[in-house]
Amino acid sequence: MRRLVTSSIALAALIFALITTTGTAHAALATPTAPAAGVRVMPLGDSITDGFNVPGGYRVDLWQKFVAAGRNVDFVGSMSNGPSGLGDRDHEGHSGWTIGQIDSNVVNWLRTYTPHTVLLHIGTNDMYGSDPAGAPARLSTLLDHITATAPDTEVFVATIVPISFADPTVRTFNAAIPGIVQSKVNAGKRVHLVDMYRALTTADLADGVHPNAGGYSKMANVWYSALLSVPGSMGARGPSRTQGAPQAATAR
């Protein structure tokens, strides 16, 4: 009788173990795999990237466009801010910063956050600084440092938006940007021109410098059009561009 009871207990334990193991295996098979990491996009610049006077700035509408299109994007950077409607608040927009200040930090940021794509809008604070005429050379140096540190990163370089009290200076700076971008393209760099200036007017500015909500929305349209125009900027990479005119995108 003792042997029978012992055998019955052992059999029951074996059946329980088989049921538990089988259930665990089925549960493991049924567990969905984690989604692939999003394409790392770094919004880079000054207060206009940060979103001065409109929290999140252009990043809010740009993020909504990614979501609506089913794009899996991960904004990256050491800064973070924005409203609840902005699903990813990371960025590298620094209020009041010049091209030189961005340049002094960009290598560390690129190594830390390894962006696949950079959205660069910088130079506004240089326009009323001590040396606006030197801004194009500083921008060229910044791009050299970005492309040397992250040669496979797609870098979108925007002409800066209007400034109501410094429009001639802005126009002079912006006029130099296509040639700068072209020189990088000719060197085989993944650099793309984005014509942001023509998308906005001074009526789209809240204070003569920073866009209002409508202006930031226009910026989002331009960025998104530019991204769509370059295969690989939000996913599978296209071939390196080594010749031809720099690519530009505008929206009104």
C-alpha atoms as a PDB file:
ATOM      1  CA  MET A   1       0.000   0.000   0.000  1.00  0.00           C
ATOM      2  CA  ARG A   2       2.852   2.394   0.899  1.00  0.00           C
ATOM      3  CA  ARG A   3       4.529   1.642  -2.440  1.00  0.00           C
ATOM      4  CA  LEU A   4       1.244   2.297  -4.275  1.00  0.00           C
ATOM      5  CA  VAL A   5       0.722   5.631  -2.500  1.00  0.00           C
ATOM      6  CA  THR A   6       4.331   6.653  -3.151  1.00  0.00           C
ATOM      7  CA  SER A   7       4.049   5.747  -6.842  1.00  0.00           C
ATOM      8  CA  SER A   8       0.784   7.669  -7.155  1.00  0.00           C
ATOM      9  CA  ILE A   9       2.349  10.765  -5.595  1.00  0.00           C
ATOM     10  CA  ALA A  10       5.356  10.538  -7.911  1.00  0.00           C
ATOM     11  CA  LEU A  11       3.101  10.140 -10.962  1.00  0.00           C
ATOM     12  CA  ALA A  12       0.988  13.132  -9.945  1.00  0.00           C
ATOM     13  CA  ALA A  13       4.133  15.248  -9.485  1.00  0.00           C
ATOM     14  CA  LEU A  14       5.388  14.228 -12.922  1.00  0.00           C
ATOM     15  CA  ILE A  15       2.065  15.120 -14.580  1.00  0.00           C
ATOM     16  CA  PHE A  16       1.995  18.491 -12.774  1.00  0.00           C
ATOM     17  CA  ALA A  17       5.560  19.227 -13.902  1.00  0.00           C
ATOM     18  CA  LEU A  18       4.706  18.386 -17.510  1.00  0.00           C
ATOM     19  CA  ILE A  19       1.592  20.580 -17.455  1.00  0.00           C
ATOM     20  CA  THR A  20       3.507  23.493 -15.884  1.00  0.00           C
ATOM     21  CA  THR A  21       6.413  23.210 -18.314  1.00  0.00           C
ATOM     22  CA  THR A  22       4.083  22.969 -21.313  1.00  0.00           C
ATOM     23  CA  GLY A  23       2.072  25.966 -20.116  1.00  0.00           C
ATOM     24  CA  THR A  24       5.221  28.001 -19.611  1.00  0.00           C
ATOM     25  CA  ALA A  25       6.455  27.082 -23.081  1.00  0.00           C
ATOM     26  CA  HIS A  26       3.160  28.116 -24.645  1.00  0.00           C
ATOM     27  CA  ALA A  27       3.219  31.365 -22.673  1.00  0.00           C
ATOM     28  CA  ALA A  28       6.737  32.080 -23.900  1.00  0.00           C
ATOM     29  CA  LEU A  29       5.703  31.435 -27.482  1.00  0.00           C
ATOM     30  CA  ALA A  30       2.682  33.689 -27.083  1.00  0.00           C
ATOM     31  CA  THR A  31       4.703  36.595 -25.673  1.00  0.00           C
ATOM     32  CA  PRO A  32       5.105  39.229 -28.418  1.00  0.00           C
ATOM     33  CA  THR A  33       8.610  40.335 -29.280  1.00  0.00           C
ATOM     34  CA  ALA A  34       9.631  43.833 -28.277  1.00  0.00           C
ATOM     35  CA  PRO A  35       9.223  46.415 -31.052  1.00  0.00           C
ATOM     36  CA  ALA A  36      12.337  47.446 -32.918  1.00  0.00           C
ATOM     37  CA  ALA A  37      14.030  50.573 -31.600  1.00  0.00           C
ATOM     38  CA  GLY A  38      12.967  53.749 -33.368  1.00  0.00           C
ATOM     39  CA  VAL A  39      15.134  55.630 -35.821  1.00  0.00           C
ATOM     40  CA  ARG A  40      17.166  58.041 -33.708  1.00  0.00           C
ATOM     41  CA  VAL A  41      16.544  61.657 -34.769  1.00  0.00           C
ATOM     42  CA  MET A  42      18.325  64.573 -33.059  1.00  0.00           C
ATOM     43  CA  PRO A  43      16.662  68.007 -33.307  1.00  0.00           C
ATOM     44  CA  LEU A  44      19.707  70.279 -32.958  1.00  0.00           C
ATOM     45  CA  GLY A  45      19.913  74.036 -32.534  1.00  0.00           C
ATOM     46  CA  ASP A  46      18.949  76.939 -30.303  1.00  0.00           C
ATOM     47  CA  SER A  47      15.717  78.205 -28.700  1.00  0.00           C
ATOM     48  CA  ILE A  48      13.777  77.619 -31.899  1.00  0.00           C
ATOM     49  CA  THR A  49      14.544  73.905 -31.564  1.00  0.00           C
ATOM     50  CA  ASP A  50      13.807  74.054 -27.844  1.00  0.00           C
ATOM     51  CA  GLY A  51      10.445  75.686 -28.563  1.00  0.00           C
ATOM     52  CA  PHE A  52      10.662  79.120 -27.016  1.00  0.00           C
ATOM     53  CA  ASN A  53       7.193  80.589 -26.368  1.00  0.00           C
ATOM     54  CA  VAL A  54       5.490  77.456 -27.759  1.00  0.00           C
ATOM     55  CA  PRO A  55       6.596  74.460 -25.642  1.00  0.00           C
ATOM     56  CA  GLY A  56       8.021  71.765 -27.901  1.00  0.00           C
ATOM     57  CA  GLY A  57       8.103  74.083 -30.922  1.00  0.00           C
ATOM     58  CA  TYR A  58       8.122  72.344 -34.294  1.00  0.00           C
ATOM     59  CA  ARG A  59       8.810  69.011 -32.611  1.00  0.00           C
ATOM     60  CA  VAL A  60       5.156  68.696 -31.546  1.00  0.00           C
ATOM     61  CA  ASP A  61       3.669  68.713 -35.049  1.00  0.00           C
ATOM     62  CA  LEU A  62       6.598  66.772 -36.478  1.00  0.00           C
ATOM     63  CA  TRP A  63       6.074  64.039 -33.898  1.00  0.00           C
ATOM     64  CA  GLN A  64       2.369  63.877 -34.740  1.00  0.00           C
ATOM     65  CA  LYS A  65       3.261  63.420 -38.413  1.00  0.00           C
ATOM     66  CA  PHE A  66       5.521  60.498 -37.504  1.00  0.00           C
ATOM     67  CA  VAL A  67       2.738  58.909 -35.467  1.00  0.00           C
ATOM     68  CA  ALA A  68       0.095  59.423 -38.158  1.00  0.00           C
ATOM     69  CA  ALA A  69       2.371  57.824 -40.757  1.00  0.00           C
ATOM     70  CA  GLY A  70       3.286  54.899 -38.508  1.00  0.00           C
ATOM     71  CA  ARG A  71       6.925  55.964 -38.362  1.00  0.00           C
ATOM     72  CA  ASN A  72       8.941  54.523 -35.496  1.00  0.00           C
ATOM     73  CA  VAL A  73      11.130  57.475 -34.509  1.00  0.00           C
ATOM     74  CA  ASP A  74      13.093  58.174 -31.331  1.00  0.00           C
ATOM     75  CA  PHE A  75      13.970  61.813 -30.653  1.00  0.00           C
ATOM     76  CA  VAL A  76      17.348  61.949 -28.869  1.00  0.00           C
ATOM     77  CA  GLY A  77      19.357  64.576 -26.990  1.00  0.00           C
ATOM     78  CA  SER A  78      20.337  65.775 -23.529  1.00  0.00           C
ATOM     79  CA  MET A  79      17.413  68.210 -23.247  1.00  0.00           C
ATOM     80  CA  SER A  80      13.762  67.325 -22.673  1.00  0.00           C
ATOM     81  CA  ASN A  81      10.636  69.461 -22.694  1.00  0.00           C
ATOM     82  CA  GLY A  82       7.251  69.821 -24.331  1.00  0.00           C
ATOM     83  CA  PRO A  83       3.514  69.249 -23.815  1.00  0.00           C
ATOM     84  CA  SER A  84       1.706  65.972 -23.224  1.00  0.00           C
ATOM     85  CA  GLY A  85       0.889  65.723 -26.933  1.00  0.00           C
ATOM     86  CA  LEU A  86       4.591  65.335 -27.668  1.00  0.00           C
ATOM     87  CA  GLY A  87       5.252  61.627 -27.243  1.00  0.00           C
ATOM     88  CA  ASP A  88       9.037  61.985 -27.165  1.00  0.00           C
ATOM     89  CA  ARG A  89      10.410  65.204 -25.657  1.00  0.00           C
ATOM     90  CA  ASP A  90      14.177  64.675 -26.075  1.00  0.00           C
ATOM     91  CA  HIS A  91      16.149  67.155 -28.175  1.00  0.00           C
ATOM     92  CA  GLU A  92      19.357  69.167 -28.360  1.00  0.00           C
ATOM     93  CA  GLY A  93      17.985  72.709 -28.552  1.00  0.00           C
ATOM     94  CA  HIS A  94      19.795  75.268 -26.369  1.00  0.00           C
ATOM     95  CA  SER A  95      18.269  78.705 -25.895  1.00  0.00           C
ATOM     96  CA  GLY A  96      20.574  81.582 -26.749  1.00  0.00           C
ATOM     97  CA  TRP A  97      23.309  79.395 -28.203  1.00  0.00           C
ATOM     98  CA  THR A  98      25.382  80.296 -31.233  1.00  0.00           C
ATOM     99  CA  ILE A  99      26.911  78.082 -33.908  1.00  0.00           C
ATOM    100  CA  GLY A 100      30.209  78.056 -31.999  1.00  0.00           C
ATOM    101  CA  GLN A 101      28.586  76.904 -28.772  1.00  0.00           C
ATOM    102  CA  ILE A 102      26.843  74.038 -30.546  1.00  0.00           C
ATOM    103  CA  ASP A 103      30.128  73.164 -32.226  1.00  0.00           C
ATOM    104  CA  SER A 104      31.929  72.994 -28.872  1.00  0.00           C
ATOM    105  CA  ASN A 105      29.556  70.282 -27.648  1.00  0.00           C
ATOM    106  CA  VAL A 106      28.353  68.427 -30.707  1.00  0.00           C
ATOM    107  CA  VAL A 107      31.009  65.702 -30.793  1.00  0.00           C
ATOM    108  CA  ASN A 108      30.109  64.574 -27.276  1.00  0.00           C
ATOM    109  CA  TRP A 109      26.386  64.603 -28.082  1.00  0.00           C
ATOM    110  CA  LEU A 110      26.870  62.581 -31.243  1.00  0.00           C
ATOM    111  CA  ARG A 111      28.956  59.978 -29.441  1.00  0.00           C
ATOM    112  CA  THR A 112      26.463  59.783 -26.578  1.00  0.00           C
ATOM    113  CA  TYR A 113      23.206  59.599 -28.551  1.00  0.00           C
ATOM    114  CA  THR A 114      24.377  58.186 -31.925  1.00  0.00           C
ATOM    115  CA  PRO A 115      21.607  59.752 -34.025  1.00  0.00           C
ATOM    116  CA  HIS A 116      20.726  58.281 -37.400  1.00  0.00           C
ATOM    117  CA  THR A 117      19.432  61.702 -38.523  1.00  0.00           C
ATOM    118  CA  VAL A 118      20.164  65.269 -37.403  1.00  0.00           C
ATOM    119  CA  LEU A 119      17.826  68.232 -37.947  1.00  0.00           C
ATOM    120  CA  LEU A 120      20.036  71.327 -37.701  1.00  0.00           C
ATOM    121  CA  HIS A 121      18.620  74.866 -37.452  1.00  0.00           C
ATOM    122  CA  ILE A 122      21.300  77.154 -36.070  1.00  0.00           C
ATOM    123  CA  GLY A 123      22.645  80.672 -36.622  1.00  0.00           C
ATOM    124  CA  THR A 124      19.855  82.929 -35.367  1.00  0.00           C
ATOM    125  CA  ASN A 125      21.866  84.136 -32.356  1.00  0.00           C
ATOM    126  CA  ASP A 126      24.887  84.767 -34.596  1.00  0.00           C
ATOM    127  CA  MET A 127      22.875  87.265 -36.629  1.00  0.00           C
ATOM    128  CA  TYR A 128      22.937  89.925 -33.921  1.00  0.00           C
ATOM    129  CA  GLY A 129      26.250  88.941 -32.362  1.00  0.00           C
ATOM    130  CA  SER A 130      29.657  90.502 -32.892  1.00  0.00           C
ATOM    131  CA  ASP A 131      30.545  88.624 -36.089  1.00  0.00           C
ATOM    132  CA  PRO A 132      27.562  87.689 -38.274  1.00  0.00           C
ATOM    133  CA  ALA A 133      29.799  87.736 -41.355  1.00  0.00           C
ATOM    134  CA  GLY A 134      31.779  84.822 -39.935  1.00  0.00           C
ATOM    135  CA  ALA A 135      28.694  82.669 -39.373  1.00  0.00           C
ATOM    136  CA  PRO A 136      28.927  80.738 -42.678  1.00  0.00           C
ATOM    137  CA  ALA A 137      32.507  79.661 -41.917  1.00  0.00           C
ATOM    138  CA  ARG A 138      31.481  78.586 -38.433  1.00  0.00           C
ATOM    139  CA  LEU A 139      28.578  76.581 -39.853  1.00  0.00           C
ATOM    140  CA  SER A 140      30.917  74.870 -42.310  1.00  0.00           C
ATOM    141  CA  THR A 141      33.262  73.914 -39.464  1.00  0.00           C
ATOM    142  CA  LEU A 142      30.345  72.597 -37.418  1.00  0.00           C
ATOM    143  CA  LEU A 143      29.255  70.400 -40.327  1.00  0.00           C
ATOM    144  CA  ASP A 144      32.795  69.102 -40.729  1.00  0.00           C
ATOM    145  CA  HIS A 145      32.833  68.057 -37.083  1.00  0.00           C
ATOM    146  CA  ILE A 146      29.407  66.401 -37.354  1.00  0.00           C
ATOM    147  CA  THR A 147      30.250  64.445 -40.489  1.00  0.00           C
ATOM    148  CA  ALA A 148      33.691  63.418 -39.223  1.00  0.00           C
ATOM    149  CA  THR A 149      32.240  62.148 -35.944  1.00  0.00           C
ATOM    150  CA  ALA A 150      29.145  60.519 -37.450  1.00  0.00           C
ATOM    151  CA  PRO A 151      29.835  59.896 -41.162  1.00  0.00           C
ATOM    152  CA  ASP A 152      26.792  57.660 -41.623  1.00  0.00           C
ATOM    153  CA  THR A 153      24.367  60.158 -40.084  1.00  0.00           C
ATOM    154  CA  GLU A 154      21.944  62.002 -42.377  1.00  0.00           C
ATOM    155  CA  VAL A 155      22.398  65.713 -41.621  1.00  0.00           C
ATOM    156  CA  PHE A 156      19.640  68.131 -42.656  1.00  0.00           C
ATOM    157  CA  VAL A 157      20.827  71.746 -42.635  1.00  0.00           C
ATOM    158  CA  ALA A 158      18.124  74.418 -42.620  1.00  0.00           C
ATOM    159  CA  THR A 159      18.340  77.996 -43.699  1.00  0.00           C
ATOM    160  CA  ILE A 160      17.229  79.961 -40.647  1.00  0.00           C
ATOM    161  CA  VAL A 161      13.788  81.518 -40.305  1.00  0.00           C
ATOM    162  CA  PRO A 162      13.329  85.292 -40.732  1.00  0.00           C
ATOM    163  CA  ILE A 163      14.204  87.828 -38.055  1.00  0.00           C
ATOM    164  CA  SER A 164      12.023  90.914 -38.323  1.00  0.00           C
ATOM    165  CA  PHE A 165      14.755  93.407 -37.372  1.00  0.00           C
ATOM    166  CA  ALA A 166      17.694  91.714 -39.103  1.00  0.00           C
ATOM    167  CA  ASP A 167      16.352  90.389 -42.390  1.00  0.00           C
ATOM    168  CA  PRO A 168      19.251  91.572 -44.610  1.00  0.00           C
ATOM    169  CA  THR A 169      21.744  89.843 -42.307  1.00  0.00           C
ATOM    170  CA  VAL A 170      19.672  86.661 -42.301  1.00  0.00           C
ATOM    171  CA  ARG A 171      19.409  86.686 -46.079  1.00  0.00           C
ATOM    172  CA  THR A 172      23.175  87.066 -46.449  1.00  0.00           C
ATOM    173  CA  PHE A 173      23.803  84.130 -44.113  1.00  0.00           C
ATOM    174  CA  ASN A 174      21.178  81.959 -45.756  1.00  0.00           C
ATOM    175  CA  ALA A 175      22.559  82.714 -49.216  1.00  0.00           C
ATOM    176  CA  ALA A 176      25.846  81.080 -48.203  1.00  0.00           C
ATOM    177  CA  ILE A 177      24.301  77.850 -46.907  1.00  0.00           C
ATOM    178  CA  PRO A 178      23.574  76.114 -50.255  1.00  0.00           C
ATOM    179  CA  GLY A 179      27.233  76.444 -51.267  1.00  0.00           C
ATOM    180  CA  ILE A 180      28.368  75.081 -47.903  1.00  0.00           C
ATOM    181  CA  VAL A 181      26.044  72.117 -48.205  1.00  0.00           C
ATOM    182  CA  GLN A 182      27.113  71.521 -51.807  1.00  0.00           C
ATOM    183  CA  SER A 183      30.764  71.365 -50.764  1.00  0.00           C
ATOM    184  CA  LYS A 184      29.936  68.642 -48.244  1.00  0.00           C
ATOM    185  CA  VAL A 185      27.854  66.737 -50.794  1.00  0.00           C
ATOM    186  CA  ASN A 186      30.732  66.898 -53.281  1.00  0.00           C
ATOM    187  CA  ALA A 187      32.946  65.368 -50.590  1.00  0.00           C
ATOM    188  CA  GLY A 188      30.549  62.437 -50.262  1.00  0.00           C
ATOM    189  CA  LYS A 189      28.945  63.581 -47.002  1.00  0.00           C
ATOM    190  CA  ARG A 190      25.321  62.828 -46.142  1.00  0.00           C
ATOM    191  CA  VAL A 191      24.320  66.484 -45.860  1.00  0.00           C
ATOM    192  CA  HIS A 192      21.031  67.886 -47.168  1.00  0.00           C
ATOM    193  CA  LEU A 193      19.782  71.432 -47.641  1.00  0.00           C
ATOM    194  CA  VAL A 194      16.402  72.405 -46.177  1.00  0.00           C
ATOM    195  CA  ASP A 195      14.942  75.728 -47.311  1.00  0.00           C
ATOM    196  CA  MET A 196      13.242  76.806 -44.089  1.00  0.00           C
ATOM    197  CA  TYR A 197      13.486  80.581 -44.590  1.00  0.00           C
ATOM    198  CA  ARG A 198      10.992  80.733 -47.461  1.00  0.00           C
ATOM    199  CA  ALA A 199       8.414  78.704 -45.549  1.00  0.00           C
ATOM    200  CA  LEU A 200       7.862  81.446 -42.966  1.00  0.00           C
ATOM    201  CA  THR A 201       7.310  85.205 -43.027  1.00  0.00           C
ATOM    202  CA  THR A 202       7.603  87.739 -40.237  1.00  0.00           C
ATOM    203  CA  ALA A 203       3.848  87.262 -39.707  1.00  0.00           C
ATOM    204  CA  ASP A 204       4.712  83.755 -38.441  1.00  0.00           C
ATOM    205  CA  LEU A 205       6.883  85.161 -35.631  1.00  0.00           C
ATOM    206  CA  ALA A 206       5.648  85.730 -32.095  1.00  0.00           C
ATOM    207  CA  ASP A 207       8.304  88.268 -31.107  1.00  0.00           C
ATOM    208  CA  GLY A 208      10.251  89.050 -34.240  1.00  0.00           C
ATOM    209  CA  VAL A 209      12.602  86.098 -33.702  1.00  0.00           C
ATOM    210  CA  HIS A 210      10.755  82.981 -32.542  1.00  0.00           C
ATOM    211  CA  PRO A 211       7.904  81.416 -34.520  1.00  0.00           C
ATOM    212  CA  ASN A 212       4.379  81.409 -33.184  1.00  0.00           C
ATOM    213  CA  ALA A 213       2.347  78.187 -33.164  1.00  0.00           C
ATOM    214  CA  GLY A 214       1.517  78.524 -36.850  1.00  0.00           C
ATOM    215  CA  GLY A 215       5.150  79.185 -37.704  1.00  0.00           C
ATOM    216  CA  TYR A 216       6.342  76.117 -35.834  1.00  0.00           C
ATOM    217  CA  SER A 217       3.713  74.054 -37.642  1.00  0.00           C
ATOM    218  CA  LYS A 218       5.117  75.270 -40.966  1.00  0.00           C
ATOM    219  CA  MET A 219       8.594  74.277 -39.806  1.00  0.00           C
ATOM    220  CA  ALA A 220       7.320  70.778 -39.025  1.00  0.00           C
ATOM    221  CA  ASN A 221       5.903  70.526 -42.543  1.00  0.00           C
ATOM    222  CA  VAL A 222       9.243  71.479 -44.063  1.00  0.00           C
ATOM    223  CA  TRP A 223      11.246  69.058 -41.916  1.00  0.00           C
ATOM    224  CA  TYR A 224       8.881  66.195 -42.687  1.00  0.00           C
ATOM    225  CA  SER A 225       8.942  66.886 -46.440  1.00  0.00           C
ATOM    226  CA  ALA A 226      12.729  66.989 -46.336  1.00  0.00           C
ATOM    227  CA  LEU A 227      12.903  63.679 -44.477  1.00  0.00           C
ATOM    228  CA  LEU A 228      10.568  62.036 -46.966  1.00  0.00           C
ATOM    229  CA  SER A 229      12.704  63.275 -49.851  1.00  0.00           C
ATOM    230  CA  VAL A 230      15.838  61.493 -48.627  1.00  0.00           C
ATOM    231  CA  PRO A 231      15.623  57.688 -48.642  1.00  0.00           C
ATOM    232  CA  GLY A 232      17.046  56.295 -45.424  1.00  0.00           C
ATOM    233  CA  SER A 233      16.514  59.325 -43.200  1.00  0.00           C
ATOM    234  CA  MET A 234      13.736  57.531 -41.330  1.00  0.00           C
ATOM    235  CA  GLY A 235      14.649  53.935 -42.065  1.00  0.00           C
ATOM    236  CA  ALA A 236      16.559  51.901 -44.643  1.00  0.00           C
ATOM    237  CA  ARG A 237      19.494  53.895 -45.910  1.00  0.00           C
ATOM    238  CA  GLY A 238      19.876  55.027 -49.489  1.00  0.00           C
ATOM    239  CA  PRO A 239      23.172  55.442 -51.367  1.00  0.00           C
ATOM    240  CA  SER A 240      25.567  58.238 -50.496  1.00  0.00           C
ATOM    241  CA  ARG A 241      25.134  61.343 -52.654  1.00  0.00           C
ATOM    242  CA  THR A 242      28.455  62.459 -54.088  1.00  0.00           C
ATOM    243  CA  GLN A 243      27.345  64.878 -56.779  1.00  0.00           C
ATOM    244  CA  GLY A 244      24.442  66.980 -57.985  1.00  0.00           C
ATOM    245  CA  ALA A 245      22.666  69.941 -56.465  1.00  0.00           C
ATOM    246  CA  PRO A 246      21.975  69.968 -52.731  1.00  0.00           C
ATOM    247  CA  GLN A 247      18.473  68.764 -51.983  1.00  0.00           C
ATOM    248  CA  ALA A 248      15.962  71.244 -50.614  1.00  0.00           C
ATOM    249  CA  ALA A 249      12.373  71.129 -49.421  1.00  0.00           C
ATOM    250  CA  THR A 250       9.936  73.924 -48.708  1.00  0.00           C
ATOM    251  CA  ALA A 251       6.355  74.251 -47.581  1.00  0.00           C
ATOM    252  CA  ARG A 252       4.032  77.199 -47.186  1.00  0.00           C
END
